PDB file of all heavy atoms in Angstrom:
ATOM      1  N   THR A   1      71.242 122.966 119.020  1.00  0.00           N
ATOM      2  CA  THR A   1      70.431 122.160 118.114  1.00  0.00           C
ATOM      3  C   THR A   1      71.152 120.918 117.601  1.00  0.00           C
ATOM      4  O   THR A   1      70.653 120.243 116.727  1.00  0.00           O
ATOM      5  CB  THR A   1      70.014 123.018 116.901  1.00  0.00           C
ATOM      6  OG1 THR A   1      71.214 123.451 116.248  1.00  0.00           O
ATOM      7  CG2 THR A   1      69.241 124.240 117.319  1.00  0.00           C
ATOM      8  N   GLY A   2      72.336 120.630 118.117  1.00  0.00           N
ATOM      9  CA  GLY A   2      73.061 119.447 117.624  1.00  0.00           C
ATOM     10  C   GLY A   2      74.549 119.629 117.859  1.00  0.00           C
ATOM     11  O   GLY A   2      74.972 120.464 118.650  1.00  0.00           O
ATOM     12  N   VAL A   3      75.358 118.836 117.148  1.00  0.00           N
ATOM     13  CA  VAL A   3      76.813 118.875 117.363  1.00  0.00           C
ATOM     14  C   VAL A   3      77.496 119.222 116.049  1.00  0.00           C
ATOM     15  O   VAL A   3      77.102 118.737 114.992  1.00  0.00           O
ATOM     16  CB  VAL A   3      77.318 117.501 117.868  1.00  0.00           C
ATOM     17  CG1 VAL A   3      78.832 117.510 118.067  1.00  0.00           C
ATOM     18  CG2 VAL A   3      76.618 117.136 119.167  1.00  0.00           C
ATOM     19  N   ARG A   4      78.529 120.071 116.132  1.00  0.00           N
ATOM     20  CA  ARG A   4      79.332 120.357 114.937  1.00  0.00           C
ATOM     21  C   ARG A   4      80.635 119.594 115.060  1.00  0.00           C
ATOM     22  O   ARG A   4      81.327 119.723 116.057  1.00  0.00           O
ATOM     23  CB  ARG A   4      79.626 121.839 114.836  1.00  0.00           C
ATOM     24  CG  ARG A   4      78.391 122.649 114.638  1.00  0.00           C
ATOM     25  CD  ARG A   4      78.715 124.097 114.547  1.00  0.00           C
ATOM     26  NE  ARG A   4      79.300 124.430 113.248  1.00  0.00           N
ATOM     27  CZ  ARG A   4      79.267 125.652 112.751  1.00  0.00           C
ATOM     28  NH1 ARG A   4      78.715 126.614 113.429  1.00  0.00           N
ATOM     29  NH2 ARG A   4      79.814 125.912 111.591  1.00  0.00           N
ATOM     30  N   VAL A   5      80.946 118.808 114.040  1.00  0.00           N
ATOM     31  CA  VAL A   5      82.194 118.045 114.027  1.00  0.00           C
ATOM     32  C   VAL A   5      83.081 118.680 112.962  1.00  0.00           C
ATOM     33  O   VAL A   5      82.655 118.848 111.817  1.00  0.00           O
ATOM     34  CB  VAL A   5      81.921 116.568 113.675  1.00  0.00           C
ATOM     35  CG1 VAL A   5      83.224 115.791 113.626  1.00  0.00           C
ATOM     36  CG2 VAL A   5      80.971 115.947 114.685  1.00  0.00           C
ATOM     37  N   LYS A   6      84.313 119.051 113.350  1.00  0.00           N
ATOM     38  CA  LYS A   6      85.230 119.650 112.372  1.00  0.00           C
ATOM     39  C   LYS A   6      86.343 118.655 112.086  1.00  0.00           C
ATOM     40  O   LYS A   6      86.891 118.073 113.021  1.00  0.00           O
ATOM     41  CB  LYS A   6      85.802 120.954 112.909  1.00  0.00           C
ATOM     42  CG  LYS A   6      84.710 121.988 113.116  1.00  0.00           C
ATOM     43  CD  LYS A   6      85.225 123.333 113.524  1.00  0.00           C
ATOM     44  CE  LYS A   6      84.052 124.295 113.585  1.00  0.00           C
ATOM     45  NZ  LYS A   6      84.379 125.586 114.099  1.00  0.00           N
ATOM     46  N   ALA A   7      86.655 118.484 110.810  1.00  0.00           N
ATOM     47  CA  ALA A   7      87.658 117.481 110.440  1.00  0.00           C
ATOM     48  C   ALA A   7      88.385 117.920 109.169  1.00  0.00           C
ATOM     49  O   ALA A   7      87.893 118.760 108.429  1.00  0.00           O
ATOM     50  CB  ALA A   7      86.968 116.140 110.199  1.00  0.00           C
ATOM     51  N   ASP A   8      89.572 117.333 108.943  1.00  0.00           N
ATOM     52  CA  ASP A   8      90.275 117.504 107.670  1.00  0.00           C
ATOM     53  C   ASP A   8      90.150 116.193 106.900  1.00  0.00           C
ATOM     54  O   ASP A   8      90.560 115.144 107.416  1.00  0.00           O
ATOM     55  CB  ASP A   8      91.772 117.807 107.909  1.00  0.00           C
ATOM     56  CG  ASP A   8      91.985 119.233 108.380  1.00  0.00           C
ATOM     57  OD1 ASP A   8      91.012 120.005 108.349  1.00  0.00           O
ATOM     58  OD2 ASP A   8      93.111 119.581 108.790  1.00  0.00           O
ATOM     59  N   VAL A   9      89.591 116.246 105.696  1.00  0.00           N
ATOM     60  CA  VAL A   9      89.342 115.023 104.921  1.00  0.00           C
ATOM     61  C   VAL A   9      89.819 115.241 103.484  1.00  0.00           C
ATOM     62  O   VAL A   9      89.574 116.298 102.913  1.00  0.00           O
ATOM     63  CB  VAL A   9      87.828 114.681 104.894  1.00  0.00           C
ATOM     64  CG1 VAL A   9      87.613 113.278 104.344  1.00  0.00           C
ATOM     65  CG2 VAL A   9      87.191 114.813 106.264  1.00  0.00           C
ATOM     66  N   PRO A  10      90.498 114.234 102.887  1.00  0.00           N
ATOM     67  CA  PRO A  10      90.896 114.371 101.478  1.00  0.00           C
ATOM     68  C   PRO A  10      89.664 114.537 100.578  1.00  0.00           C
ATOM     69  O   PRO A  10      88.662 113.841 100.759  1.00  0.00           O
ATOM     70  CB  PRO A  10      91.600 113.041 101.170  1.00  0.00           C
ATOM     71  CG  PRO A  10      91.998 112.494 102.500  1.00  0.00           C
ATOM     72  CD  PRO A  10      90.967 112.974 103.476  1.00  0.00           C
ATOM     73  N   LEU A  11      89.761 115.445  99.613  1.00  0.00           N
ATOM     74  CA  LEU A  11      88.628 115.722  98.727  1.00  0.00           C
ATOM     75  C   LEU A  11      88.162 114.472  97.980  1.00  0.00           C
ATOM     76  O   LEU A  11      86.973 114.269  97.778  1.00  0.00           O
ATOM     77  CB  LEU A  11      89.026 116.816  97.721  1.00  0.00           C
ATOM     78  CG  LEU A  11      88.004 117.131  96.627  1.00  0.00           C
ATOM     79  CD1 LEU A  11      86.711 117.654  97.214  1.00  0.00           C
ATOM     80  CD2 LEU A  11      88.549 118.142  95.640  1.00  0.00           C
ATOM     81  N   SER A  12      89.123 113.611  97.592  1.00  0.00           N
ATOM     82  CA  SER A  12      88.741 112.442  96.786  1.00  0.00           C
ATOM     83  C   SER A  12      87.782 111.514  97.530  1.00  0.00           C
ATOM     84  O   SER A  12      87.065 110.735  96.923  1.00  0.00           O
ATOM     85  CB  SER A  12      89.992 111.659  96.377  1.00  0.00           C
ATOM     86  OG  SER A  12      90.694 111.265  97.545  1.00  0.00           O
ATOM     87  N   GLU A  13      87.758 111.617  98.863  1.00  0.00           N
ATOM     88  CA  GLU A  13      86.886 110.731  99.655  1.00  0.00           C
ATOM     89  C   GLU A  13      85.512 111.363  99.902  1.00  0.00           C
ATOM     90  O   GLU A  13      84.662 110.775 100.556  1.00  0.00           O
ATOM     91  CB  GLU A  13      87.536 110.441 101.018  1.00  0.00           C
ATOM     92  CG  GLU A  13      88.920 109.809 100.933  1.00  0.00           C
ATOM     93  CD  GLU A  13      88.868 108.346 100.515  1.00  0.00           C
ATOM     94  OE1 GLU A  13      87.773 107.753 100.562  1.00  0.00           O
ATOM     95  OE2 GLU A  13      89.919 107.807 100.132  1.00  0.00           O
ATOM     96  N   MET A  14      85.313 112.613  99.439  1.00  0.00           N
ATOM     97  CA  MET A  14      84.097 113.338  99.811  1.00  0.00           C
ATOM     98  C   MET A  14      83.012 113.333  98.731  1.00  0.00           C
ATOM     99  O   MET A  14      81.957 113.911  98.914  1.00  0.00           O
ATOM    100  CB  MET A  14      84.443 114.802 100.166  1.00  0.00           C
ATOM    101  CG  MET A  14      85.255 114.967 101.428  1.00  0.00           C
ATOM    102  SD  MET A  14      84.439 114.338 102.910  1.00  0.00           S
ATOM    103  CE  MET A  14      83.156 115.556 103.134  1.00  0.00           C
ATOM    104  N   PHE A  15      83.276 112.677  97.575  1.00  0.00           N
ATOM    105  CA  PHE A  15      82.228 112.672  96.545  1.00  0.00           C
ATOM    106  C   PHE A  15      81.020 111.886  97.026  1.00  0.00           C
ATOM    107  O   PHE A  15      81.157 110.832  97.623  1.00  0.00           O
ATOM    108  CB  PHE A  15      82.759 112.104  95.223  1.00  0.00           C
ATOM    109  CG  PHE A  15      83.714 113.035  94.548  1.00  0.00           C
ATOM    110  CD1 PHE A  15      84.962 112.615  94.148  1.00  0.00           C
ATOM    111  CD2 PHE A  15      83.361 114.358  94.354  1.00  0.00           C
ATOM    112  CE1 PHE A  15      85.845 113.492  93.546  1.00  0.00           C
ATOM    113  CE2 PHE A  15      84.246 115.245  93.745  1.00  0.00           C
ATOM    114  CZ  PHE A  15      85.490 114.806  93.348  1.00  0.00           C
ATOM    115  N   GLY A  16      79.836 112.441  96.754  1.00  0.00           N
ATOM    116  CA  GLY A  16      78.607 111.755  97.160  1.00  0.00           C
ATOM    117  C   GLY A  16      78.374 111.772  98.654  1.00  0.00           C
ATOM    118  O   GLY A  16      77.503 111.076  99.167  1.00  0.00           O
ATOM    119  N   TYR A  17      79.157 112.584  99.386  1.00  0.00           N
ATOM    120  CA  TYR A  17      79.062 112.549 100.856  1.00  0.00           C
ATOM    121  C   TYR A  17      77.707 113.026 101.360  1.00  0.00           C
ATOM    122  O   TYR A  17      77.169 112.473 102.301  1.00  0.00           O
ATOM    123  CB  TYR A  17      80.183 113.402 101.467  1.00  0.00           C
ATOM    124  CG  TYR A  17      80.158 113.420 102.986  1.00  0.00           C
ATOM    125  CD1 TYR A  17      80.380 112.249 103.711  1.00  0.00           C
ATOM    126  CD2 TYR A  17      79.892 114.581 103.697  1.00  0.00           C
ATOM    127  CE1 TYR A  17      80.349 112.252 105.097  1.00  0.00           C
ATOM    128  CE2 TYR A  17      79.856 114.588 105.076  1.00  0.00           C
ATOM    129  CZ  TYR A  17      80.089 113.428 105.776  1.00  0.00           C
ATOM    130  OH  TYR A  17      80.044 113.428 107.149  1.00  0.00           O
ATOM    131  N   ILE A  18      77.137 114.042 100.704  1.00  0.00           N
ATOM    132  CA  ILE A  18      75.896 114.617 101.250  1.00  0.00           C
ATOM    133  C   ILE A  18      74.784 113.568 101.297  1.00  0.00           C
ATOM    134  O   ILE A  18      74.054 113.453 102.267  1.00  0.00           O
ATOM    135  CB  ILE A  18      75.441 115.883 100.475  1.00  0.00           C
ATOM    136  CG1 ILE A  18      74.241 116.542 101.163  1.00  0.00           C
ATOM    137  CG2 ILE A  18      75.128 115.617  99.024  1.00  0.00           C
ATOM    138  CD1 ILE A  18      74.510 117.152 102.493  1.00  0.00           C
ATOM    139  N   GLY A  19      74.719 112.730 100.231  1.00  0.00           N
ATOM    140  CA  GLY A  19      73.686 111.685 100.212  1.00  0.00           C
ATOM    141  C   GLY A  19      73.906 110.703 101.350  1.00  0.00           C
ATOM    142  O   GLY A  19      72.971 110.287 102.039  1.00  0.00           O
ATOM    143  N   HIS A  20      75.175 110.357 101.584  1.00  0.00           N
ATOM    144  CA  HIS A  20      75.525 109.397 102.629  1.00  0.00           C
ATOM    145  C   HIS A  20      75.200 109.972 104.012  1.00  0.00           C
ATOM    146  O   HIS A  20      74.633 109.304 104.873  1.00  0.00           O
ATOM    147  CB  HIS A  20      77.018 109.083 102.516  1.00  0.00           C
ATOM    148  CG  HIS A  20      77.400 107.846 103.236  1.00  0.00           C
ATOM    149  ND1 HIS A  20      77.125 106.595 102.737  1.00  0.00           N
ATOM    150  CD2 HIS A  20      78.004 107.651 104.437  1.00  0.00           C
ATOM    151  CE1 HIS A  20      77.551 105.686 103.608  1.00  0.00           C
ATOM    152  NE2 HIS A  20      78.084 106.314 104.641  1.00  0.00           N
ATOM    153  N   LEU A  21      75.552 111.272 104.176  1.00  0.00           N
ATOM    154  CA  LEU A  21      75.315 111.924 105.474  1.00  0.00           C
ATOM    155  C   LEU A  21      73.818 111.985 105.767  1.00  0.00           C
ATOM    156  O   LEU A  21      73.378 111.745 106.894  1.00  0.00           O
ATOM    157  CB  LEU A  21      75.903 113.339 105.445  1.00  0.00           C
ATOM    158  CG  LEU A  21      75.686 114.183 106.700  1.00  0.00           C
ATOM    159  CD1 LEU A  21      76.463 113.594 107.876  1.00  0.00           C
ATOM    160  CD2 LEU A  21      76.114 115.628 106.492  1.00  0.00           C
ATOM    161  N   ARG A  22      73.039 112.279 104.734  1.00  0.00           N
ATOM    162  CA  ARG A  22      71.588 112.358 104.960  1.00  0.00           C
ATOM    163  C   ARG A  22      71.036 111.002 105.345  1.00  0.00           C
ATOM    164  O   ARG A  22      70.107 110.905 106.135  1.00  0.00           O
ATOM    165  CB  ARG A  22      70.887 112.880 103.705  1.00  0.00           C
ATOM    166  CG  ARG A  22      71.096 114.377 103.526  1.00  0.00           C
ATOM    167  CD  ARG A  22      70.418 114.901 102.284  1.00  0.00           C
ATOM    168  NE  ARG A  22      70.788 116.298 102.071  1.00  0.00           N
ATOM    169  CZ  ARG A  22      70.837 116.881 100.889  1.00  0.00           C
ATOM    170  NH1 ARG A  22      70.554 116.196  99.813  1.00  0.00           N
ATOM    171  NH2 ARG A  22      71.185 118.142 100.777  1.00  0.00           N
ATOM    172  N   THR A  23      71.630 109.940 104.784  1.00  0.00           N
ATOM    173  CA  THR A  23      71.174 108.587 105.148  1.00  0.00           C
ATOM    174  C   THR A  23      71.479 108.308 106.618  1.00  0.00           C
ATOM    175  O   THR A  23      70.618 107.849 107.366  1.00  0.00           O
ATOM    176  CB  THR A  23      71.893 107.526 104.276  1.00  0.00           C
ATOM    177  OG1 THR A  23      71.780 107.932 102.919  1.00  0.00           O
ATOM    178  CG2 THR A  23      71.279 106.170 104.451  1.00  0.00           C
ATOM    179  N   ILE A  24      72.725 108.608 107.045  1.00  0.00           N
ATOM    180  CA  ILE A  24      73.120 108.308 108.438  1.00  0.00           C
ATOM    181  C   ILE A  24      72.258 109.095 109.421  1.00  0.00           C
ATOM    182  O   ILE A  24      71.897 108.605 110.478  1.00  0.00           O
ATOM    183  CB  ILE A  24      74.595 108.737 108.720  1.00  0.00           C
ATOM    184  CG1 ILE A  24      75.565 108.101 107.751  1.00  0.00           C
ATOM    185  CG2 ILE A  24      75.013 108.381 110.132  1.00  0.00           C
ATOM    186  CD1 ILE A  24      77.008 108.551 107.996  1.00  0.00           C
ATOM    187  N   THR A  25      71.934 110.352 109.071  1.00  0.00           N
ATOM    188  CA  THR A  25      71.281 111.233 110.063  1.00  0.00           C
ATOM    189  C   THR A  25      69.797 111.388 109.770  1.00  0.00           C
ATOM    190  O   THR A  25      69.177 112.332 110.226  1.00  0.00           O
ATOM    191  CB  THR A  25      71.926 112.628 110.026  1.00  0.00           C
ATOM    192  OG1 THR A  25      71.807 113.154 108.692  1.00  0.00           O
ATOM    193  CG2 THR A  25      73.401 112.596 110.400  1.00  0.00           C
ATOM    194  N   SER A  26      69.226 110.488 109.004  1.00  0.00           N
ATOM    195  CA  SER A  26      67.839 110.551 108.515  1.00  0.00           C
ATOM    196  C   SER A  26      67.486 111.960 108.049  1.00  0.00           C
ATOM    197  O   SER A  26      66.490 112.552 108.462  1.00  0.00           O
ATOM    198  CB  SER A  26      66.822 110.016 109.536  1.00  0.00           C
ATOM    199  OG  SER A  26      67.254 110.216 110.849  1.00  0.00           O
ATOM    200  N   GLY A  27      68.360 112.500 107.197  1.00  0.00           N
ATOM    201  CA  GLY A  27      68.048 113.768 106.534  1.00  0.00           C
ATOM    202  C   GLY A  27      68.333 115.023 107.329  1.00  0.00           C
ATOM    203  O   GLY A  27      68.083 116.111 106.862  1.00  0.00           O
ATOM    204  N   ARG A  28      68.834 114.869 108.574  1.00  0.00           N
ATOM    205  CA  ARG A  28      68.993 116.088 109.379  1.00  0.00           C
ATOM    206  C   ARG A  28      70.410 116.644 109.373  1.00  0.00           C
ATOM    207  O   ARG A  28      70.649 117.742 109.845  1.00  0.00           O
ATOM    208  CB  ARG A  28      68.535 115.822 110.814  1.00  0.00           C
ATOM    209  CG  ARG A  28      67.034 115.583 110.871  1.00  0.00           C
ATOM    210  CD  ARG A  28      66.571 115.231 112.257  1.00  0.00           C
ATOM    211  NE  ARG A  28      66.918 116.257 113.222  1.00  0.00           N
ATOM    212  CZ  ARG A  28      66.957 116.047 114.529  1.00  0.00           C
ATOM    213  NH1 ARG A  28      66.698 114.849 115.006  1.00  0.00           N
ATOM    214  NH2 ARG A  28      67.269 117.013 115.352  1.00  0.00           N
ATOM    215  N   GLY A  29      71.369 115.851 108.854  1.00  0.00           N
ATOM    216  CA  GLY A  29      72.758 116.334 108.860  1.00  0.00           C
ATOM    217  C   GLY A  29      73.025 117.280 107.703  1.00  0.00           C
ATOM    218  O   GLY A  29      72.367 117.215 106.671  1.00  0.00           O
ATOM    219  N   GLN A  30      73.979 118.184 107.909  1.00  0.00           N
ATOM    220  CA  GLN A  30      74.416 119.044 106.811  1.00  0.00           C
ATOM    221  C   GLN A  30      75.915 119.194 106.914  1.00  0.00           C
ATOM    222  O   GLN A  30      76.472 118.971 107.982  1.00  0.00           O
ATOM    223  CB  GLN A  30      73.877 120.466 106.953  1.00  0.00           C
ATOM    224  CG  GLN A  30      72.408 120.554 106.895  1.00  0.00           C
ATOM    225  CD  GLN A  30      71.948 121.695 107.740  1.00  0.00           C
ATOM    226  OE1 GLN A  30      72.726 122.363 108.364  1.00  0.00           O
ATOM    227  NE2 GLN A  30      70.676 121.909 107.755  1.00  0.00           N
ATOM    228  N   PHE A  31      76.542 119.623 105.828  1.00  0.00           N
ATOM    229  CA  PHE A  31      77.977 119.866 105.958  1.00  0.00           C
ATOM    230  C   PHE A  31      78.385 120.964 104.994  1.00  0.00           C
ATOM    231  O   PHE A  31      77.691 121.255 104.026  1.00  0.00           O
ATOM    232  CB  PHE A  31      78.762 118.585 105.687  1.00  0.00           C
ATOM    233  CG  PHE A  31      79.051 118.327 104.232  1.00  0.00           C
ATOM    234  CD1 PHE A  31      80.333 118.478 103.722  1.00  0.00           C
ATOM    235  CD2 PHE A  31      78.043 117.924 103.366  1.00  0.00           C
ATOM    236  CE1 PHE A  31      80.594 118.239 102.395  1.00  0.00           C
ATOM    237  CE2 PHE A  31      78.305 117.688 102.028  1.00  0.00           C
ATOM    238  CZ  PHE A  31      79.588 117.841 101.543  1.00  0.00           C
ATOM    239  N   SER A  32      79.508 121.594 105.330  1.00  0.00           N
ATOM    240  CA  SER A  32      80.094 122.532 104.369  1.00  0.00           C
ATOM    241  C   SER A  32      81.574 122.191 104.326  1.00  0.00           C
ATOM    242  O   SER A  32      82.112 121.668 105.293  1.00  0.00           O
ATOM    243  CB  SER A  32      79.898 123.967 104.839  1.00  0.00           C
ATOM    244  OG  SER A  32      80.635 124.172 106.025  1.00  0.00           O
ATOM    245  N   MET A  33      82.228 122.457 103.195  1.00  0.00           N
ATOM    246  CA  MET A  33      83.664 122.208 103.179  1.00  0.00           C
ATOM    247  C   MET A  33      84.364 123.224 102.293  1.00  0.00           C
ATOM    248  O   MET A  33      83.785 123.744 101.348  1.00  0.00           O
ATOM    249  CB  MET A  33      83.971 120.778 102.727  1.00  0.00           C
ATOM    250  CG  MET A  33      83.675 120.424 101.312  1.00  0.00           C
ATOM    251  SD  MET A  33      84.163 118.703 101.038  1.00  0.00           S
ATOM    252  CE  MET A  33      83.800 118.509  99.317  1.00  0.00           C
ATOM    253  N   GLU A  34      85.609 123.527 102.656  1.00  0.00           N
ATOM    254  CA  GLU A  34      86.402 124.429 101.827  1.00  0.00           C
ATOM    255  C   GLU A  34      87.832 123.920 101.795  1.00  0.00           C
ATOM    256  O   GLU A  34      88.259 123.186 102.681  1.00  0.00           O
ATOM    257  CB  GLU A  34      86.345 125.857 102.366  1.00  0.00           C
ATOM    258  CG  GLU A  34      86.776 125.990 103.803  1.00  0.00           C
ATOM    259  CD  GLU A  34      86.606 127.405 104.337  1.00  0.00           C
ATOM    260  OE1 GLU A  34      86.507 128.330 103.533  1.00  0.00           O
ATOM    261  OE2 GLU A  34      86.592 127.557 105.563  1.00  0.00           O
ATOM    262  N   PHE A  35      88.589 124.333 100.775  1.00  0.00           N
ATOM    263  CA  PHE A  35      89.959 123.863 100.610  1.00  0.00           C
ATOM    264  C   PHE A  35      90.824 124.314 101.787  1.00  0.00           C
ATOM    265  O   PHE A  35      90.734 125.434 102.249  1.00  0.00           O
ATOM    266  CB  PHE A  35      90.541 124.401  99.301  1.00  0.00           C
ATOM    267  CG  PHE A  35      92.002 124.114  99.148  1.00  0.00           C
ATOM    268  CD1 PHE A  35      92.435 122.824  98.867  1.00  0.00           C
ATOM    269  CD2 PHE A  35      92.953 125.102  99.337  1.00  0.00           C
ATOM    270  CE1 PHE A  35      93.787 122.544  98.751  1.00  0.00           C
ATOM    271  CE2 PHE A  35      94.305 124.833  99.223  1.00  0.00           C
ATOM    272  CZ  PHE A  35      94.720 123.542  98.926  1.00  0.00           C
ATOM    273  N   SER A  36      91.681 123.402 102.298  1.00  0.00           N
ATOM    274  CA  SER A  36      92.545 123.748 103.420  1.00  0.00           C
ATOM    275  C   SER A  36      94.024 123.741 102.979  1.00  0.00           C
ATOM    276  O   SER A  36      94.683 124.755 102.997  1.00  0.00           O
ATOM    277  CB  SER A  36      92.319 122.759 104.562  1.00  0.00           C
ATOM    278  OG  SER A  36      93.269 122.936 105.564  1.00  0.00           O
ATOM    279  N   HIS A  37      94.530 122.590 102.548  1.00  0.00           N
ATOM    280  CA  HIS A  37      95.952 122.517 102.173  1.00  0.00           C
ATOM    281  C   HIS A  37      96.206 121.232 101.368  1.00  0.00           C
ATOM    282  O   HIS A  37      95.310 120.405 101.234  1.00  0.00           O
ATOM    283  CB  HIS A  37      96.837 122.509 103.435  1.00  0.00           C
ATOM    284  CG  HIS A  37      96.527 121.380 104.369  1.00  0.00           C
ATOM    285  ND1 HIS A  37      95.469 121.415 105.252  1.00  0.00           N
ATOM    286  CD2 HIS A  37      97.104 120.163 104.558  1.00  0.00           C
ATOM    287  CE1 HIS A  37      95.421 120.274 105.932  1.00  0.00           C
ATOM    288  NE2 HIS A  37      96.394 119.503 105.529  1.00  0.00           N
TER     289      HIS A  37
END
C-alpha cells in the first residue's frame, strides 16, 4: 500500500511534522517515532 521510510531524526526538528507530512502527501502519509539515542 505504499513505502515505509525509516530514519533517525533529531527530536527538535520534528515539531509540527505531522501537519507538514500530510501536506506533502495530500493527507495520506503517517508516521510514528520513538526515542533512539
